[in-house]
């Protein structure tokens, strides 16, 4: 793995770029797993020595803990998982987009590995999550 504090990029790292993927169909985190994941991400908060910052619509993974709550102190964002609480049912969570930063990409992270680390707290992997049911859009309204 590369050193995130290095400013130069080697030949293999030059191609590393931010990766953003819309999860289609969206991944659904069942209620029991969602509760466990939320508790674990809160316990692993960057402000208290962990690597995650869980907000209502975004779970962000950093390369190292923050110096103090609210002060990243040089830590780099590895990636983010965009979520919605309460869909499709009240206690489930929907994952609809995942972004791996340039630094995260250089460190070898992928959309799947980022999700799997967070979802692993609920004994899930992204590939095993139930998927949202996509319905056919309604016919266009005509006068």
Protein backbone atom coordinates (compact mmCIF):
# COMPACT_ATOMS: atom_id res chain seq x y z
CA UNK A 1 0.00 0.00 0.00
CA UNK A 2 1.13 3.51 -0.66
CA UNK A 3 1.88 6.14 1.92
CA UNK A 4 -1.00 8.67 1.89
CA UNK A 5 1.30 11.43 3.14
CA UNK A 6 3.47 11.19 0.01
CA UNK A 7 2.94 13.99 -2.49
CA UNK A 8 4.34 12.30 -5.61
CA UNK A 9 2.57 9.49 -7.41
CA UNK A 10 4.25 6.42 -8.84
CA UNK A 11 3.34 4.96 -12.22
CA UNK A 12 0.68 2.68 -10.73
CA UNK A 13 -0.83 5.49 -8.70
CA UNK A 14 -1.06 7.98 -11.56
CA UNK A 15 -4.17 6.24 -12.88
CA UNK A 16 -5.91 6.27 -9.47
CA UNK A 17 -8.89 8.60 -9.52
CA UNK A 18 -12.07 9.22 -7.60
CA UNK A 19 -14.64 6.51 -8.25
CA UNK A 20 -18.34 7.22 -7.83
CA UNK A 21 -20.90 4.51 -8.46
CA UNK A 22 -24.68 4.65 -8.31
CA UNK A 23 -25.86 1.39 -6.80
CA UNK A 24 -28.61 0.04 -9.09
CA UNK A 25 -30.82 -1.36 -7.92
CA UNK A 26 -30.15 0.23 -4.55
CA UNK A 27 -28.92 -2.04 -1.77
CA UNK A 28 -31.23 -2.48 1.21
CA UNK A 29 -29.78 -2.99 4.69
CA UNK A 30 -32.32 -5.00 6.73
CA UNK A 31 -33.46 -3.66 10.10
CA UNK A 32 -31.42 -5.91 12.41
CA UNK A 33 -28.19 -5.34 10.48
CA UNK A 34 -28.90 -1.60 10.17
CA UNK A 35 -29.16 -1.19 13.93
CA UNK A 36 -25.90 -3.05 14.55
CA UNK A 37 -24.06 -1.13 11.82
CA UNK A 38 -25.22 2.24 13.15
CA UNK A 39 -24.08 1.38 16.68
CA UNK A 40 -20.67 0.16 15.47
CA UNK A 41 -20.08 3.17 13.24
CA UNK A 42 -20.93 5.46 16.16
CA UNK A 43 -18.45 3.58 18.37
CA UNK A 44 -15.78 3.93 15.67
CA UNK A 45 -16.23 7.70 15.24
CA UNK A 46 -13.18 9.59 13.93
CA UNK A 47 -13.46 12.03 16.83
CA UNK A 48 -12.90 9.26 19.36
CA UNK A 49 -10.11 7.24 17.77
CA UNK A 50 -12.06 5.45 15.03
CA UNK A 51 -12.09 5.75 11.26
CA UNK A 52 -15.77 6.45 10.48
CA UNK A 53 -17.98 9.54 10.56
CA UNK A 54 -21.62 8.52 10.38
CA UNK A 55 -24.07 11.29 9.54
CA UNK A 56 -27.79 10.94 8.76
CA UNK A 57 -27.29 10.61 5.00
CA UNK A 58 -23.58 9.84 4.66
CA UNK A 59 -21.11 7.36 6.14
CA UNK A 60 -17.53 8.55 5.57
CA UNK A 61 -14.38 6.45 6.08
CA UNK A 62 -11.03 8.16 6.80
CA UNK A 63 -7.47 6.86 6.66
CA UNK A 64 -6.80 7.70 10.31
CA UNK A 65 -8.62 9.15 13.35
CA UNK A 66 -9.12 12.89 13.66
CA UNK A 67 -7.02 14.89 16.11
CA UNK A 68 -10.12 16.20 17.89
CA UNK A 69 -13.84 16.09 17.28
CA UNK A 70 -14.49 18.31 14.28
CA UNK A 71 -10.79 18.66 13.35
CA UNK A 72 -9.54 16.24 10.67
CA UNK A 73 -5.90 17.07 11.58
CA UNK A 74 -4.56 15.90 8.21
CA UNK A 75 -6.58 12.72 7.90
CA UNK A 76 -7.77 11.95 4.39
CA UNK A 77 -11.20 10.85 3.25
CA UNK A 78 -11.05 7.30 1.87
CA UNK A 79 -14.65 7.25 0.67
CA UNK A 80 -18.31 7.84 1.41
CA UNK A 81 -21.47 5.76 1.37
CA UNK A 82 -24.64 7.73 0.59
CA UNK A 83 -27.66 6.37 2.42
CA UNK A 84 -31.31 7.02 3.14
CA UNK A 85 -32.90 5.98 6.44
CA UNK A 86 -36.45 4.65 6.55
CA UNK A 87 -36.69 3.24 3.05
CA UNK A 88 -38.17 1.03 1.86
CA UNK A 89 -39.53 0.41 5.36
CA UNK A 90 -39.24 2.46 8.53
CA UNK A 91 -36.14 0.78 9.99
CA UNK A 92 -34.21 -0.21 6.88
CA UNK A 93 -31.42 1.74 5.23
CA UNK A 94 -30.94 2.14 1.49
CA UNK A 95 -27.47 2.53 -0.02
CA UNK A 96 -27.77 4.34 -3.32
CA UNK A 97 -24.32 5.79 -4.13
CA UNK A 98 -20.75 5.09 -3.08
CA UNK A 99 -17.71 7.26 -3.73
CA UNK A 100 -14.08 6.27 -3.24
CA UNK A 101 -11.76 9.29 -3.11
CA UNK A 102 -8.54 9.58 -5.10
CA UNK A 103 -6.60 8.81 -1.90
CA UNK A 104 -8.85 5.82 -1.20
CA UNK A 105 -8.31 4.56 -4.73
CA UNK A 106 -4.53 4.92 -4.30
CA UNK A 107 -4.76 2.94 -1.07
CA UNK A 108 -6.51 0.11 -2.90
CA UNK A 109 -10.11 0.72 -1.83
CA UNK A 110 -13.02 -0.08 -4.14
CA UNK A 111 -16.74 0.59 -3.95
CA UNK A 112 -17.28 -2.98 -2.82
CA UNK A 113 -14.51 -3.04 -0.20
CA UNK A 114 -15.68 0.27 1.32
CA UNK A 115 -19.26 -1.00 1.60
CA UNK A 116 -18.16 -4.40 2.87
CA UNK A 117 -16.19 -2.82 5.73
CA UNK A 118 -19.22 -0.88 6.96
CA UNK A 119 -21.74 -3.62 6.25
CA UNK A 120 -19.51 -6.23 7.87
CA UNK A 121 -20.60 -4.89 11.27
CA UNK A 122 -24.03 -6.29 10.44
CA UNK A 123 -22.63 -9.53 8.98
CA UNK A 124 -23.39 -8.37 5.44
CA UNK A 125 -21.53 -7.72 2.20
CA UNK A 126 -22.72 -5.44 -0.56
CA UNK A 127 -23.26 -8.36 -2.92
CA UNK A 128 -25.50 -10.10 -0.35
CA UNK A 129 -27.78 -7.12 0.40
CA UNK A 130 -31.36 -7.37 -0.82
CA UNK A 131 -32.04 -4.97 -3.68
CA UNK A 132 -34.75 -2.37 -4.13
CA UNK A 133 -37.56 -3.31 -6.45
CA UNK A 134 -37.53 -1.12 -9.51
CA UNK A 135 -40.99 -0.46 -10.84
CA UNK A 136 -41.86 0.59 -14.35
CA UNK A 137 -42.29 4.35 -14.59
CA UNK A 138 -45.83 5.57 -15.21
CA UNK A 139 -46.97 6.38 -18.71
CA UNK A 140 -46.50 10.02 -19.67
CA UNK A 141 -49.43 12.28 -18.92
CA UNK A 142 -51.24 13.35 -22.07
CA UNK A 143 -53.93 16.00 -22.46
